[in-house]
Amino acid sequence: MRVLVILLLFLLAGPVQAVCAQTTAPAHTTGLPDALRQGERLARELTLTTGVAISPLLGVVLLGAGRYLTAAEADRPALPW
């Protein structure tokens, strides 16, 4: 069971890192509709990769977490949330 969970985490980490790396604009200039489209795309890719339906809301949450973690400490207060 532990191996299955670790494997699932590795499968989820790849697409998240790829989508976060594709964003070239700073986090504070991206609009909400853009984030929703990217979240939908991430959810679709995760669904195709894992075969399990993923909510677009989860995709947006993962993108937000990725942007927060990759943002510099000084830039975090300027994030849109």
N, C-alpha and C. Protein backbone atom coordinates (compact mmCIF):
# COMPACT_ATOMS: atom_id res chain seq x y z
N MET A 1 0.83 -1.20 0.00
CA MET A 1 0.00 0.00 0.00
C MET A 1 0.87 1.26 0.00
N ARG A 2 1.96 1.23 0.78
CA ARG A 2 2.85 2.38 0.85
C ARG A 2 3.48 2.66 -0.51
N VAL A 3 3.85 1.60 -1.22
CA VAL A 3 4.46 1.75 -2.54
C VAL A 3 3.47 2.38 -3.51
N LEU A 4 2.22 1.99 -3.42
CA LEU A 4 1.19 2.55 -4.28
C LEU A 4 1.01 4.05 -4.04
N VAL A 5 1.03 4.46 -2.79
CA VAL A 5 0.88 5.88 -2.46
C VAL A 5 2.08 6.67 -2.97
N ILE A 6 3.28 6.14 -2.80
CA ILE A 6 4.49 6.82 -3.27
C ILE A 6 4.47 6.92 -4.79
N LEU A 7 4.07 5.86 -5.46
CA LEU A 7 3.97 5.88 -6.91
C LEU A 7 2.96 6.92 -7.38
N LEU A 8 1.83 7.00 -6.72
CA LEU A 8 0.82 7.99 -7.07
C LEU A 8 1.35 9.42 -6.88
N LEU A 9 2.09 9.65 -5.82
CA LEU A 9 2.67 10.98 -5.60
C LEU A 9 3.65 11.35 -6.71
N PHE A 10 4.46 10.39 -7.15
CA PHE A 10 5.38 10.66 -8.24
C PHE A 10 4.64 10.94 -9.54
N LEU A 11 3.56 10.22 -9.78
CA LEU A 11 2.78 10.46 -10.99
C LEU A 11 2.13 11.84 -10.97
N LEU A 12 1.70 12.29 -9.81
CA LEU A 12 1.07 13.60 -9.70
C LEU A 12 2.09 14.73 -9.73
N ALA A 13 3.29 14.49 -9.27
CA ALA A 13 4.29 15.56 -9.18
C ALA A 13 4.80 15.97 -10.56
N GLY A 14 4.89 15.05 -11.50
CA GLY A 14 5.40 15.37 -12.83
C GLY A 14 4.56 16.40 -13.56
N PRO A 15 3.26 16.16 -13.74
CA PRO A 15 2.43 17.16 -14.44
C PRO A 15 2.35 18.49 -13.71
N VAL A 16 2.35 18.47 -12.39
CA VAL A 16 2.28 19.72 -11.63
C VAL A 16 3.53 20.54 -11.89
N GLN A 17 4.68 19.90 -11.85
CA GLN A 17 5.93 20.61 -12.09
C GLN A 17 5.96 21.13 -13.53
N ALA A 18 5.49 20.35 -14.49
CA ALA A 18 5.50 20.77 -15.88
C ALA A 18 4.60 21.98 -16.10
N VAL A 19 3.43 22.00 -15.52
CA VAL A 19 2.51 23.12 -15.69
C VAL A 19 3.05 24.36 -14.99
N CYS A 20 3.62 24.20 -13.81
CA CYS A 20 4.17 25.34 -13.09
C CYS A 20 5.36 25.92 -13.84
N ALA A 21 6.13 25.09 -14.50
CA ALA A 21 7.29 25.57 -15.24
C ALA A 21 6.87 26.30 -16.51
N GLN A 22 5.69 26.02 -17.05
CA GLN A 22 5.24 26.64 -18.28
C GLN A 22 4.75 28.07 -18.08
N THR A 23 4.42 28.45 -16.88
CA THR A 23 3.93 29.80 -16.64
C THR A 23 5.12 30.75 -16.66
N THR A 24 5.08 31.74 -17.55
CA THR A 24 6.19 32.66 -17.68
C THR A 24 5.90 34.01 -17.04
N ALA A 25 4.64 34.35 -16.88
CA ALA A 25 4.28 35.64 -16.28
C ALA A 25 4.39 35.55 -14.76
N PRO A 26 4.73 36.65 -14.10
CA PRO A 26 4.73 36.65 -12.64
C PRO A 26 3.36 36.31 -12.10
N ALA A 27 3.32 35.74 -10.90
CA ALA A 27 2.06 35.25 -10.33
C ALA A 27 1.05 36.38 -10.11
N HIS A 28 1.51 37.60 -9.79
CA HIS A 28 0.57 38.66 -9.48
C HIS A 28 -0.06 39.29 -10.72
N THR A 29 0.43 38.98 -11.92
CA THR A 29 -0.16 39.56 -13.12
C THR A 29 -1.12 38.61 -13.82
N THR A 30 -1.14 37.34 -13.41
CA THR A 30 -2.05 36.41 -14.07
C THR A 30 -3.46 36.64 -13.56
N GLY A 31 -4.41 36.59 -14.46
CA GLY A 31 -5.80 36.82 -14.08
C GLY A 31 -6.47 35.53 -13.64
N LEU A 32 -7.61 35.69 -13.05
CA LEU A 32 -8.37 34.53 -12.57
C LEU A 32 -8.79 33.61 -13.72
N PRO A 33 -9.30 34.13 -14.85
CA PRO A 33 -9.68 33.21 -15.92
C PRO A 33 -8.49 32.39 -16.43
N ASP A 34 -7.31 32.99 -16.48
CA ASP A 34 -6.12 32.26 -16.91
C ASP A 34 -5.82 31.12 -15.94
N ALA A 35 -5.93 31.38 -14.65
CA ALA A 35 -5.68 30.35 -13.65
C ALA A 35 -6.70 29.23 -13.76
N LEU A 36 -7.95 29.58 -14.06
CA LEU A 36 -8.97 28.55 -14.21
C LEU A 36 -8.71 27.68 -15.43
N ARG A 37 -8.28 28.30 -16.53
CA ARG A 37 -7.96 27.51 -17.73
C ARG A 37 -6.78 26.59 -17.47
N GLN A 38 -5.76 27.10 -16.79
CA GLN A 38 -4.60 26.26 -16.49
C GLN A 38 -4.98 25.14 -15.53
N GLY A 39 -5.83 25.44 -14.57
CA GLY A 39 -6.29 24.40 -13.64
C GLY A 39 -7.09 23.32 -14.34
N GLU A 40 -7.90 23.75 -15.30
CA GLU A 40 -8.67 22.77 -16.07
C GLU A 40 -7.74 21.90 -16.91
N ARG A 41 -6.73 22.52 -17.50
CA ARG A 41 -5.77 21.76 -18.30
C ARG A 41 -4.99 20.78 -17.44
N LEU A 42 -4.59 21.22 -16.24
CA LEU A 42 -3.87 20.34 -15.33
C LEU A 42 -4.75 19.16 -14.91
N ALA A 43 -6.01 19.44 -14.60
CA ALA A 43 -6.93 18.37 -14.20
C ALA A 43 -7.12 17.37 -15.35
N ARG A 44 -7.22 17.88 -16.56
CA ARG A 44 -7.39 16.99 -17.71
C ARG A 44 -6.15 16.11 -17.90
N GLU A 45 -4.95 16.70 -17.77
CA GLU A 45 -3.72 15.92 -17.91
C GLU A 45 -3.60 14.87 -16.81
N LEU A 46 -3.95 15.24 -15.59
CA LEU A 46 -3.90 14.27 -14.50
C LEU A 46 -4.90 13.15 -14.72
N THR A 47 -6.06 13.48 -15.26
CA THR A 47 -7.07 12.46 -15.55
C THR A 47 -6.57 11.51 -16.63
N LEU A 48 -5.94 12.05 -17.66
CA LEU A 48 -5.40 11.19 -18.71
C LEU A 48 -4.25 10.34 -18.20
N THR A 49 -3.43 10.89 -17.31
CA THR A 49 -2.28 10.15 -16.79
C THR A 49 -2.70 9.06 -15.83
N THR A 50 -3.58 9.38 -14.91
CA THR A 50 -3.93 8.43 -13.85
C THR A 50 -5.16 7.60 -14.17
N GLY A 51 -6.01 8.06 -15.07
CA GLY A 51 -7.24 7.35 -15.37
C GLY A 51 -8.34 7.60 -14.34
N VAL A 52 -8.09 8.53 -13.42
CA VAL A 52 -9.06 8.87 -12.38
C VAL A 52 -9.52 10.30 -12.63
N ALA A 53 -10.83 10.52 -12.57
CA ALA A 53 -11.37 11.86 -12.80
C ALA A 53 -10.90 12.82 -11.70
N ILE A 54 -10.32 13.95 -12.11
CA ILE A 54 -9.80 14.95 -11.19
C ILE A 54 -10.62 16.23 -11.39
N SER A 55 -11.04 16.85 -10.32
CA SER A 55 -11.80 18.09 -10.39
C SER A 55 -10.91 19.24 -10.85
N PRO A 56 -11.40 20.12 -11.73
CA PRO A 56 -10.63 21.31 -12.10
C PRO A 56 -10.29 22.18 -10.89
N LEU A 57 -11.12 22.15 -9.86
CA LEU A 57 -10.81 22.90 -8.65
C LEU A 57 -9.52 22.39 -8.02
N LEU A 58 -9.32 21.09 -8.02
CA LEU A 58 -8.07 20.53 -7.50
C LEU A 58 -6.90 20.99 -8.35
N GLY A 59 -7.10 21.10 -9.66
CA GLY A 59 -6.04 21.60 -10.54
C GLY A 59 -5.66 23.02 -10.19
N VAL A 60 -6.64 23.87 -9.92
CA VAL A 60 -6.36 25.26 -9.54
C VAL A 60 -5.64 25.32 -8.20
N VAL A 61 -6.06 24.47 -7.27
CA VAL A 61 -5.40 24.43 -5.96
C VAL A 61 -3.94 24.01 -6.11
N LEU A 62 -3.68 22.99 -6.93
CA LEU A 62 -2.31 22.54 -7.14
C LEU A 62 -1.46 23.62 -7.81
N LEU A 63 -2.04 24.34 -8.77
CA LEU A 63 -1.30 25.43 -9.40
C LEU A 63 -0.98 26.54 -8.40
N GLY A 64 -1.96 26.89 -7.57
CA GLY A 64 -1.73 27.91 -6.56
C GLY A 64 -0.66 27.50 -5.58
N ALA A 65 -0.68 26.25 -5.17
CA ALA A 65 0.35 25.76 -4.25
C ALA A 65 1.72 25.78 -4.91
N GLY A 66 1.76 25.41 -6.18
CA GLY A 66 3.03 25.45 -6.90
C GLY A 66 3.57 26.86 -7.05
N ARG A 67 2.69 27.80 -7.35
CA ARG A 67 3.14 29.20 -7.47
C ARG A 67 3.60 29.76 -6.13
N TYR A 68 2.91 29.39 -5.07
CA TYR A 68 3.30 29.86 -3.74
C TYR A 68 4.66 29.30 -3.36
N LEU A 69 4.88 28.02 -3.62
CA LEU A 69 6.13 27.40 -3.22
C LEU A 69 7.31 27.86 -4.07
N THR A 70 7.06 28.22 -5.34
CA THR A 70 8.15 28.65 -6.20
C THR A 70 8.38 30.16 -6.15
N ALA A 71 7.46 30.91 -5.56
CA ALA A 71 7.62 32.37 -5.47
C ALA A 71 8.68 32.70 -4.41
N ALA A 72 9.39 33.77 -4.67
CA ALA A 72 10.37 34.23 -3.69
C ALA A 72 9.62 34.72 -2.44
N GLU A 73 10.29 34.67 -1.32
CA GLU A 73 9.66 35.06 -0.05
C GLU A 73 9.11 36.49 -0.12
N ALA A 74 9.83 37.37 -0.79
CA ALA A 74 9.39 38.77 -0.88
C ALA A 74 8.19 38.94 -1.82
N ASP A 75 8.02 38.03 -2.78
CA ASP A 75 6.93 38.14 -3.75
C ASP A 75 5.63 37.50 -3.27
N ARG A 76 5.67 36.72 -2.22
CA ARG A 76 4.47 36.00 -1.76
C ARG A 76 3.33 36.93 -1.34
N PRO A 77 3.57 38.08 -0.71
CA PRO A 77 2.44 38.96 -0.38
C PRO A 77 1.73 39.52 -1.61
N ALA A 78 2.39 39.55 -2.76
CA ALA A 78 1.79 40.09 -3.98
C ALA A 78 0.97 39.06 -4.74
N LEU A 79 0.93 37.82 -4.28
CA LEU A 79 0.13 36.80 -4.95
C LEU A 79 -1.35 37.18 -4.87
N PRO A 80 -2.16 36.78 -5.85
CA PRO A 80 -3.53 37.28 -5.94
C PRO A 80 -4.47 36.85 -4.83
N TRP A 81 -4.10 35.99 -3.95
CA TRP A 81 -4.99 35.60 -2.87
C TRP A 81 -4.45 36.17 -1.62
